[in-house]
Amino acid sequence: MTDQELLAYTQAWSLAAFQRPFRHQIYFNRRLKTTGGRYHLSDHHIDINPLMLEEFDLANLKRVVLHELCHYHLHLTGRGYQHRDQDFKQLLAAVGGARYAPRTSQRRRVQAQQRYCYQCQACGIRYWRKRRVNLARYRCGRCRGRLILKKIEKTSR
């Protein structure tokens, strides 16, 4: 699918779900790794992760685009457009947009790079880190307990 086809789909979905036109640009952005899409407040364009279509189907792409269109229309009308806002949550549920984008192969690769597992001796919470942590300097963020290194996972890239 090209950017022009994506724009045509988005304009049709916007009119059907929101009864408002989409008057800006929407693009596929290969640099997105962990998100399904991104709405830009400054110029109102939308970036979509192409893996939403390549690894899944058109129905999933529609749900991700509807999510971004919720940000778009709420921001332009001056209402709460952030994920935590009640306006956003209600509109997203009404139009059937995705609350979270599904995990892609890129997201799994980013998570697989985390190698060091630390555990608090007091409360037992685990922390995964890519880099080593100085155990004499850092403590648990929840209870200030001492941390211990549980395991080191070697990941291949």
N, C-alpha and C. Protein backbone atom coordinates (compact mmCIF):
# COMPACT_ATOMS: atom_id res chain seq x y z
N MET A 1 0.85 -1.17 0.00
CA MET A 1 0.00 0.00 0.00
C MET A 1 0.89 1.23 0.00
N THR A 2 0.51 2.21 -0.79
CA THR A 2 1.28 3.44 -0.87
C THR A 2 0.72 4.46 0.12
N ASP A 3 1.45 5.57 0.26
CA ASP A 3 0.98 6.64 1.13
C ASP A 3 -0.31 7.26 0.61
N GLN A 4 -0.46 7.32 -0.70
CA GLN A 4 -1.69 7.88 -1.28
C GLN A 4 -2.89 6.99 -1.00
N GLU A 5 -2.71 5.68 -1.08
CA GLU A 5 -3.80 4.76 -0.76
C GLU A 5 -4.15 4.85 0.72
N LEU A 6 -3.13 4.97 1.57
CA LEU A 6 -3.35 5.13 3.00
C LEU A 6 -4.13 6.41 3.28
N LEU A 7 -3.81 7.48 2.58
CA LEU A 7 -4.52 8.75 2.75
C LEU A 7 -5.98 8.60 2.34
N ALA A 8 -6.24 7.90 1.24
CA ALA A 8 -7.62 7.70 0.79
C ALA A 8 -8.42 6.88 1.81
N TYR A 9 -7.82 5.81 2.32
CA TYR A 9 -8.48 5.01 3.36
C TYR A 9 -8.77 5.86 4.59
N THR A 10 -7.78 6.64 5.01
CA THR A 10 -7.91 7.45 6.22
C THR A 10 -9.02 8.48 6.07
N GLN A 11 -9.09 9.11 4.92
CA GLN A 11 -10.16 10.10 4.70
C GLN A 11 -11.53 9.44 4.75
N ALA A 12 -11.65 8.25 4.19
CA ALA A 12 -12.93 7.54 4.22
C ALA A 12 -13.27 7.10 5.65
N TRP A 13 -12.30 6.57 6.37
CA TRP A 13 -12.54 6.14 7.75
C TRP A 13 -12.88 7.32 8.65
N SER A 14 -12.26 8.46 8.41
CA SER A 14 -12.52 9.65 9.22
C SER A 14 -13.97 10.12 9.03
N LEU A 15 -14.42 10.15 7.79
CA LEU A 15 -15.80 10.57 7.52
C LEU A 15 -16.79 9.57 8.09
N ALA A 16 -16.50 8.29 7.99
CA ALA A 16 -17.43 7.26 8.46
C ALA A 16 -17.51 7.24 9.98
N ALA A 17 -16.39 7.32 10.66
CA ALA A 17 -16.37 7.16 12.12
C ALA A 17 -16.61 8.47 12.87
N PHE A 18 -16.09 9.58 12.36
CA PHE A 18 -16.13 10.84 13.10
C PHE A 18 -17.04 11.88 12.46
N GLN A 19 -17.50 11.64 11.24
CA GLN A 19 -18.29 12.60 10.46
C GLN A 19 -17.54 13.92 10.30
N ARG A 20 -16.22 13.82 10.23
CA ARG A 20 -15.36 14.98 10.03
C ARG A 20 -14.28 14.61 9.02
N PRO A 21 -13.88 15.56 8.17
CA PRO A 21 -12.85 15.23 7.18
C PRO A 21 -11.45 15.23 7.79
N PHE A 22 -10.58 14.44 7.21
CA PHE A 22 -9.16 14.44 7.56
C PHE A 22 -8.47 15.28 6.50
N ARG A 23 -7.91 16.43 6.89
CA ARG A 23 -7.40 17.40 5.92
C ARG A 23 -5.89 17.53 5.91
N HIS A 24 -5.20 16.64 6.57
CA HIS A 24 -3.74 16.73 6.62
C HIS A 24 -3.14 15.48 5.97
N GLN A 25 -1.88 15.22 6.25
CA GLN A 25 -1.18 14.11 5.60
C GLN A 25 -1.00 12.94 6.56
N ILE A 26 -0.91 11.75 5.98
CA ILE A 26 -0.61 10.54 6.73
C ILE A 26 0.42 9.76 5.93
N TYR A 27 1.43 9.26 6.60
CA TYR A 27 2.53 8.57 5.93
C TYR A 27 2.86 7.28 6.65
N PHE A 28 3.47 6.34 5.92
CA PHE A 28 4.11 5.19 6.54
C PHE A 28 5.51 5.63 6.95
N ASN A 29 5.92 5.29 8.17
CA ASN A 29 7.24 5.68 8.67
C ASN A 29 7.94 4.43 9.19
N ARG A 30 8.95 3.97 8.47
CA ARG A 30 9.67 2.75 8.84
C ARG A 30 10.51 2.90 10.09
N ARG A 31 10.76 4.13 10.54
CA ARG A 31 11.57 4.32 11.74
C ARG A 31 10.79 4.02 13.02
N LEU A 32 9.48 3.95 12.94
CA LEU A 32 8.69 3.60 14.13
C LEU A 32 8.95 2.13 14.45
N LYS A 33 9.32 1.85 15.69
CA LYS A 33 9.65 0.48 16.08
C LYS A 33 8.68 -0.08 17.11
N THR A 34 8.31 0.73 18.10
CA THR A 34 7.54 0.21 19.22
C THR A 34 6.11 0.73 19.26
N THR A 35 5.73 1.61 18.34
CA THR A 35 4.38 2.15 18.34
C THR A 35 3.68 1.83 17.04
N GLY A 36 2.36 1.86 17.07
CA GLY A 36 1.58 1.64 15.86
C GLY A 36 1.50 2.89 15.00
N GLY A 37 1.49 4.04 15.64
CA GLY A 37 1.41 5.29 14.91
C GLY A 37 1.73 6.46 15.82
N ARG A 38 1.80 7.65 15.20
CA ARG A 38 2.13 8.85 15.97
C ARG A 38 1.43 10.03 15.34
N TYR A 39 0.73 10.80 16.16
CA TYR A 39 0.09 12.05 15.72
C TYR A 39 0.99 13.21 16.12
N HIS A 40 1.28 14.10 15.19
CA HIS A 40 2.17 15.24 15.45
C HIS A 40 1.33 16.48 15.72
N LEU A 41 1.49 17.05 16.91
CA LEU A 41 0.72 18.22 17.31
C LEU A 41 1.08 19.46 16.50
N SER A 42 2.32 19.56 16.07
CA SER A 42 2.78 20.78 15.43
C SER A 42 2.16 21.00 14.05
N ASP A 43 2.15 19.98 13.21
CA ASP A 43 1.62 20.16 11.86
C ASP A 43 0.47 19.21 11.54
N HIS A 44 0.01 18.46 12.51
CA HIS A 44 -1.18 17.60 12.42
C HIS A 44 -1.05 16.42 11.48
N HIS A 45 0.15 16.07 11.06
CA HIS A 45 0.26 14.88 10.22
C HIS A 45 0.41 13.64 11.11
N ILE A 46 0.17 12.49 10.50
CA ILE A 46 0.20 11.22 11.23
C ILE A 46 1.21 10.30 10.58
N ASP A 47 2.03 9.64 11.39
CA ASP A 47 2.93 8.58 10.93
C ASP A 47 2.35 7.25 11.35
N ILE A 48 2.42 6.27 10.47
CA ILE A 48 1.93 4.93 10.76
C ILE A 48 3.07 3.94 10.56
N ASN A 49 3.20 3.01 11.49
CA ASN A 49 4.20 1.94 11.37
C ASN A 49 3.73 0.97 10.27
N PRO A 50 4.51 0.78 9.22
CA PRO A 50 4.08 -0.11 8.13
C PRO A 50 3.93 -1.57 8.56
N LEU A 51 4.54 -1.95 9.68
CA LEU A 51 4.40 -3.32 10.16
C LEU A 51 2.98 -3.62 10.62
N MET A 52 2.18 -2.58 10.89
CA MET A 52 0.77 -2.79 11.25
C MET A 52 0.00 -3.42 10.10
N LEU A 53 0.44 -3.16 8.88
CA LEU A 53 -0.19 -3.76 7.71
C LEU A 53 0.56 -5.00 7.24
N GLU A 54 1.88 -4.96 7.31
CA GLU A 54 2.67 -6.08 6.79
C GLU A 54 2.55 -7.33 7.66
N GLU A 55 2.55 -7.17 8.98
CA GLU A 55 2.49 -8.33 9.86
C GLU A 55 1.07 -8.68 10.29
N PHE A 56 0.14 -7.75 10.08
CA PHE A 56 -1.25 -7.99 10.47
C PHE A 56 -2.13 -7.75 9.25
N ASP A 57 -3.37 -7.36 9.44
CA ASP A 57 -4.28 -7.19 8.31
C ASP A 57 -4.80 -5.76 8.24
N LEU A 58 -5.66 -5.51 7.25
CA LEU A 58 -6.20 -4.18 7.04
C LEU A 58 -7.10 -3.75 8.21
N ALA A 59 -7.79 -4.70 8.82
CA ALA A 59 -8.65 -4.38 9.97
C ALA A 59 -7.82 -3.84 11.13
N ASN A 60 -6.66 -4.42 11.36
CA ASN A 60 -5.77 -3.93 12.42
C ASN A 60 -5.25 -2.54 12.08
N LEU A 61 -4.88 -2.33 10.82
CA LEU A 61 -4.42 -1.01 10.40
C LEU A 61 -5.51 0.03 10.63
N LYS A 62 -6.75 -0.33 10.34
CA LYS A 62 -7.87 0.59 10.53
C LYS A 62 -8.00 0.97 12.00
N ARG A 63 -7.87 0.01 12.90
CA ARG A 63 -7.99 0.29 14.33
C ARG A 63 -6.87 1.23 14.80
N VAL A 64 -5.66 1.05 14.28
CA VAL A 64 -4.53 1.92 14.64
C VAL A 64 -4.75 3.33 14.09
N VAL A 65 -5.22 3.42 12.85
CA VAL A 65 -5.48 4.73 12.24
C VAL A 65 -6.61 5.44 13.00
N LEU A 66 -7.65 4.71 13.40
CA LEU A 66 -8.73 5.31 14.18
C LEU A 66 -8.21 5.85 15.51
N HIS A 67 -7.27 5.16 16.11
CA HIS A 67 -6.65 5.64 17.36
C HIS A 67 -5.99 6.99 17.12
N GLU A 68 -5.20 7.07 16.06
CA GLU A 68 -4.51 8.33 15.76
C GLU A 68 -5.49 9.42 15.36
N LEU A 69 -6.57 9.05 14.67
CA LEU A 69 -7.59 10.03 14.31
C LEU A 69 -8.32 10.57 15.54
N CYS A 70 -8.43 9.77 16.58
CA CYS A 70 -9.00 10.28 17.84
C CYS A 70 -8.13 11.40 18.38
N HIS A 71 -6.80 11.20 18.41
CA HIS A 71 -5.89 12.27 18.83
C HIS A 71 -6.10 13.50 17.95
N TYR A 72 -6.15 13.28 16.64
CA TYR A 72 -6.25 14.35 15.65
C TYR A 72 -7.51 15.19 15.86
N HIS A 73 -8.67 14.55 15.86
CA HIS A 73 -9.92 15.30 15.94
C HIS A 73 -10.12 15.96 17.30
N LEU A 74 -9.72 15.28 18.37
CA LEU A 74 -9.86 15.89 19.70
C LEU A 74 -8.93 17.09 19.86
N HIS A 75 -7.72 16.98 19.33
CA HIS A 75 -6.78 18.10 19.43
C HIS A 75 -7.29 19.30 18.65
N LEU A 76 -7.82 19.07 17.45
CA LEU A 76 -8.30 20.19 16.63
C LEU A 76 -9.57 20.83 17.19
N THR A 77 -10.34 20.07 17.96
CA THR A 77 -11.55 20.65 18.55
C THR A 77 -11.31 21.19 19.95
N GLY A 78 -10.08 21.09 20.46
CA GLY A 78 -9.73 21.67 21.74
C GLY A 78 -10.15 20.84 22.94
N ARG A 79 -10.37 19.57 22.75
CA ARG A 79 -10.76 18.68 23.85
C ARG A 79 -9.55 17.84 24.27
N GLY A 80 -9.73 17.00 25.29
CA GLY A 80 -8.63 16.19 25.83
C GLY A 80 -8.20 15.12 24.85
N TYR A 81 -7.02 15.25 24.29
CA TYR A 81 -6.55 14.34 23.24
C TYR A 81 -5.50 13.35 23.74
N GLN A 82 -5.09 13.44 25.01
CA GLN A 82 -4.06 12.54 25.51
C GLN A 82 -4.68 11.23 25.97
N HIS A 83 -3.83 10.19 26.07
CA HIS A 83 -4.32 8.86 26.43
C HIS A 83 -5.05 8.85 27.77
N ARG A 84 -4.64 9.67 28.69
CA ARG A 84 -5.23 9.66 30.03
C ARG A 84 -6.54 10.42 30.11
N ASP A 85 -6.89 11.21 29.09
CA ASP A 85 -8.09 12.04 29.13
C ASP A 85 -9.35 11.22 28.90
N GLN A 86 -10.41 11.60 29.61
CA GLN A 86 -11.68 10.88 29.51
C GLN A 86 -12.29 11.05 28.12
N ASP A 87 -12.15 12.25 27.52
CA ASP A 87 -12.67 12.47 26.17
C ASP A 87 -12.06 11.48 25.18
N PHE A 88 -10.75 11.29 25.30
CA PHE A 88 -10.05 10.37 24.40
C PHE A 88 -10.54 8.94 24.59
N LYS A 89 -10.64 8.50 25.83
CA LYS A 89 -11.06 7.12 26.10
C LYS A 89 -12.47 6.86 25.60
N GLN A 90 -13.37 7.82 25.80
CA GLN A 90 -14.75 7.64 25.36
C GLN A 90 -14.85 7.61 23.84
N LEU A 91 -14.17 8.52 23.16
CA LEU A 91 -14.23 8.56 21.70
C LEU A 91 -13.59 7.32 21.09
N LEU A 92 -12.50 6.87 21.66
CA LEU A 92 -11.82 5.68 21.16
C LEU A 92 -12.73 4.46 21.26
N ALA A 93 -13.44 4.32 22.38
CA ALA A 93 -14.36 3.20 22.54
C ALA A 93 -15.54 3.32 21.59
N ALA A 94 -15.99 4.54 21.33
CA ALA A 94 -17.15 4.75 20.46
C ALA A 94 -16.85 4.40 19.00
N VAL A 95 -15.64 4.70 18.55
CA VAL A 95 -15.32 4.44 17.14
C VAL A 95 -14.67 3.07 16.92
N GLY A 96 -14.28 2.40 18.00
CA GLY A 96 -13.68 1.07 17.87
C GLY A 96 -12.21 1.07 17.53
N GLY A 97 -11.50 2.09 17.96
CA GLY A 97 -10.06 2.13 17.72
C GLY A 97 -9.31 1.25 18.70
N ALA A 98 -8.06 0.97 18.37
CA ALA A 98 -7.21 0.11 19.21
C ALA A 98 -6.67 0.93 20.38
N ARG A 99 -6.82 0.41 21.59
CA ARG A 99 -6.24 1.08 22.76
C ARG A 99 -4.72 0.92 22.74
N TYR A 100 -4.26 -0.26 22.36
CA TYR A 100 -2.83 -0.55 22.24
C TYR A 100 -2.57 -1.21 20.89
N ALA A 101 -1.43 -0.89 20.31
CA ALA A 101 -1.05 -1.53 19.05
C ALA A 101 -0.49 -2.92 19.36
N PRO A 102 -0.74 -3.89 18.51
CA PRO A 102 -0.19 -5.23 18.77
C PRO A 102 1.33 -5.23 18.66
N ARG A 103 1.94 -6.19 19.32
CA ARG A 103 3.40 -6.29 19.29
C ARG A 103 3.88 -6.77 17.93
N THR A 104 4.86 -6.07 17.40
CA THR A 104 5.44 -6.43 16.12
C THR A 104 6.76 -7.16 16.34
N SER A 105 7.33 -7.67 15.27
CA SER A 105 8.62 -8.34 15.39
C SER A 105 9.70 -7.36 15.83
N GLN A 106 9.59 -6.10 15.42
CA GLN A 106 10.56 -5.08 15.84
C GLN A 106 10.47 -4.84 17.34
N ARG A 107 9.27 -4.82 17.88
CA ARG A 107 9.07 -4.59 19.32
C ARG A 107 9.67 -5.74 20.11
N ARG A 108 9.47 -6.96 19.62
CA ARG A 108 10.03 -8.11 20.31
C ARG A 108 11.55 -8.06 20.28
N ARG A 109 12.12 -7.57 19.19
CA ARG A 109 13.58 -7.46 19.09
C ARG A 109 14.11 -6.42 20.06
N VAL A 110 13.40 -5.31 20.21
CA VAL A 110 13.83 -4.27 21.15
C VAL A 110 13.78 -4.81 22.57
N GLN A 111 12.72 -5.56 22.92
CA GLN A 111 12.64 -6.13 24.26
C GLN A 111 13.69 -7.20 24.48
N ALA A 112 14.06 -7.94 23.46
CA ALA A 112 15.02 -9.03 23.62
C ALA A 112 16.42 -8.51 23.96
N GLN A 113 16.69 -7.25 23.74
CA GLN A 113 18.01 -6.71 24.02
C GLN A 113 18.25 -6.49 25.52
N GLN A 114 17.21 -6.48 26.34
CA GLN A 114 17.39 -6.28 27.76
C GLN A 114 18.04 -7.51 28.35
N ARG A 115 19.18 -7.33 29.02
CA ARG A 115 19.99 -8.48 29.40
C ARG A 115 20.14 -8.71 30.89
N TYR A 116 20.14 -7.69 31.71
CA TYR A 116 20.44 -7.86 33.12
C TYR A 116 19.15 -7.82 33.94
N CYS A 117 18.97 -8.81 34.79
CA CYS A 117 17.80 -8.87 35.66
C CYS A 117 18.24 -8.66 37.10
N TYR A 118 17.71 -7.61 37.72
CA TYR A 118 18.00 -7.30 39.11
C TYR A 118 16.73 -7.51 39.92
N GLN A 119 16.88 -7.99 41.17
CA GLN A 119 15.73 -8.20 42.02
C GLN A 119 15.97 -7.55 43.38
N CYS A 120 14.93 -6.93 43.89
CA CYS A 120 15.01 -6.31 45.22
C CYS A 120 14.93 -7.41 46.28
N GLN A 121 15.80 -7.35 47.26
CA GLN A 121 15.79 -8.35 48.32
C GLN A 121 14.63 -8.15 49.28
N ALA A 122 14.10 -6.94 49.37
CA ALA A 122 13.02 -6.66 50.32
C ALA A 122 11.64 -6.97 49.73
N CYS A 123 11.31 -6.36 48.58
CA CYS A 123 9.95 -6.52 48.05
C CYS A 123 9.87 -7.51 46.89
N GLY A 124 11.00 -7.89 46.30
CA GLY A 124 11.01 -8.91 45.26
C GLY A 124 10.75 -8.42 43.84
N ILE A 125 10.55 -7.11 43.64
CA ILE A 125 10.30 -6.60 42.30
C ILE A 125 11.54 -6.80 41.43
N ARG A 126 11.31 -7.09 40.15
CA ARG A 126 12.42 -7.31 39.22
C ARG A 126 12.57 -6.13 38.28
N TYR A 127 13.80 -5.82 37.95
CA TYR A 127 14.14 -4.76 37.01
C TYR A 127 14.99 -5.36 35.90
N TRP A 128 14.62 -5.12 34.66
CA TRP A 128 15.42 -5.56 33.50
C TRP A 128 16.15 -4.35 32.95
N ARG A 129 17.44 -4.49 32.72
CA ARG A 129 18.25 -3.39 32.22
C ARG A 129 19.17 -3.89 31.11
N LYS A 130 19.49 -2.97 30.19
CA LYS A 130 20.44 -3.30 29.13
C LYS A 130 21.87 -3.18 29.63
N ARG A 131 22.09 -2.26 30.55
CA ARG A 131 23.44 -2.02 31.08
C ARG A 131 23.53 -2.46 32.53
N ARG A 132 24.76 -2.69 32.97
CA ARG A 132 24.96 -3.08 34.37
C ARG A 132 24.66 -1.91 35.28
N VAL A 133 24.19 -2.21 36.48
CA VAL A 133 23.87 -1.21 37.48
C VAL A 133 24.85 -1.37 38.64
N ASN A 134 25.34 -0.26 39.15
CA ASN A 134 26.22 -0.26 40.31
C ASN A 134 25.37 -0.57 41.54
N LEU A 135 25.48 -1.78 42.07
CA LEU A 135 24.63 -2.21 43.17
C LEU A 135 24.94 -1.49 44.48
N ALA A 136 26.13 -0.94 44.61
CA ALA A 136 26.46 -0.18 45.81
C ALA A 136 25.82 1.21 45.79
N ARG A 137 25.46 1.68 44.61
CA ARG A 137 24.95 3.03 44.47
C ARG A 137 23.43 3.09 44.33
N TYR A 138 22.83 2.10 43.69
CA TYR A 138 21.40 2.15 43.40
C TYR A 138 20.60 1.20 44.28
N ARG A 139 19.38 1.61 44.59
CA ARG A 139 18.46 0.84 45.42
C ARG A 139 17.14 0.66 44.68
N CYS A 140 16.24 -0.12 45.27
CA CYS A 140 14.92 -0.35 44.71
C CYS A 140 14.13 0.97 44.70
N GLY A 141 13.46 1.25 43.60
CA GLY A 141 12.67 2.47 43.50
C GLY A 141 11.39 2.42 44.30
N ARG A 142 10.93 1.24 44.64
CA ARG A 142 9.67 1.11 45.38
C ARG A 142 9.88 1.19 46.89
N CYS A 143 10.85 0.41 47.40
CA CYS A 143 10.98 0.30 48.86
C CYS A 143 12.38 0.66 49.38
N ARG A 144 13.29 1.03 48.51
CA ARG A 144 14.66 1.36 48.87
C ARG A 144 15.46 0.16 49.38
N GLY A 145 15.03 -1.05 49.04
CA GLY A 145 15.76 -2.25 49.42
C GLY A 145 17.00 -2.45 48.57
N ARG A 146 17.86 -3.38 48.98
CA ARG A 146 19.07 -3.68 48.23
C ARG A 146 18.73 -4.51 47.01
N LEU A 147 19.47 -4.29 45.92
CA LEU A 147 19.28 -5.04 44.68
C LEU A 147 20.34 -6.11 44.56
N ILE A 148 19.97 -7.23 43.94
CA ILE A 148 20.94 -8.28 43.62
C ILE A 148 20.76 -8.64 42.15
N LEU A 149 21.85 -9.04 41.52
CA LEU A 149 21.81 -9.46 40.13
C LEU A 149 21.32 -10.90 40.08
N LYS A 150 20.17 -11.11 39.39
CA LYS A 150 19.58 -12.44 39.33
C LYS A 150 20.16 -13.25 38.17
N LYS A 151 20.15 -12.66 36.96
CA LYS A 151 20.68 -13.41 35.83
C LYS A 151 21.09 -12.46 34.71
N ILE A 152 21.94 -12.98 33.85
CA ILE A 152 22.40 -12.24 32.68
C ILE A 152 22.00 -13.06 31.47
N GLU A 153 21.24 -12.45 30.56
CA GLU A 153 20.84 -13.14 29.35
C GLU A 153 21.64 -12.61 28.18
N LYS A 154 22.22 -13.50 27.44
CA LYS A 154 22.93 -13.13 26.23
C LYS A 154 21.95 -13.14 25.07
N THR A 155 21.87 -12.04 24.36
CA THR A 155 20.96 -11.98 23.21
C THR A 155 21.79 -11.81 21.96
N SER A 156 21.32 -12.41 20.90
CA SER A 156 22.03 -12.32 19.63
C SER A 156 21.31 -11.34 18.73
N ARG A 157 22.06 -10.57 18.01
CA ARG A 157 21.47 -9.60 17.09
C ARG A 157 21.78 -9.94 15.67
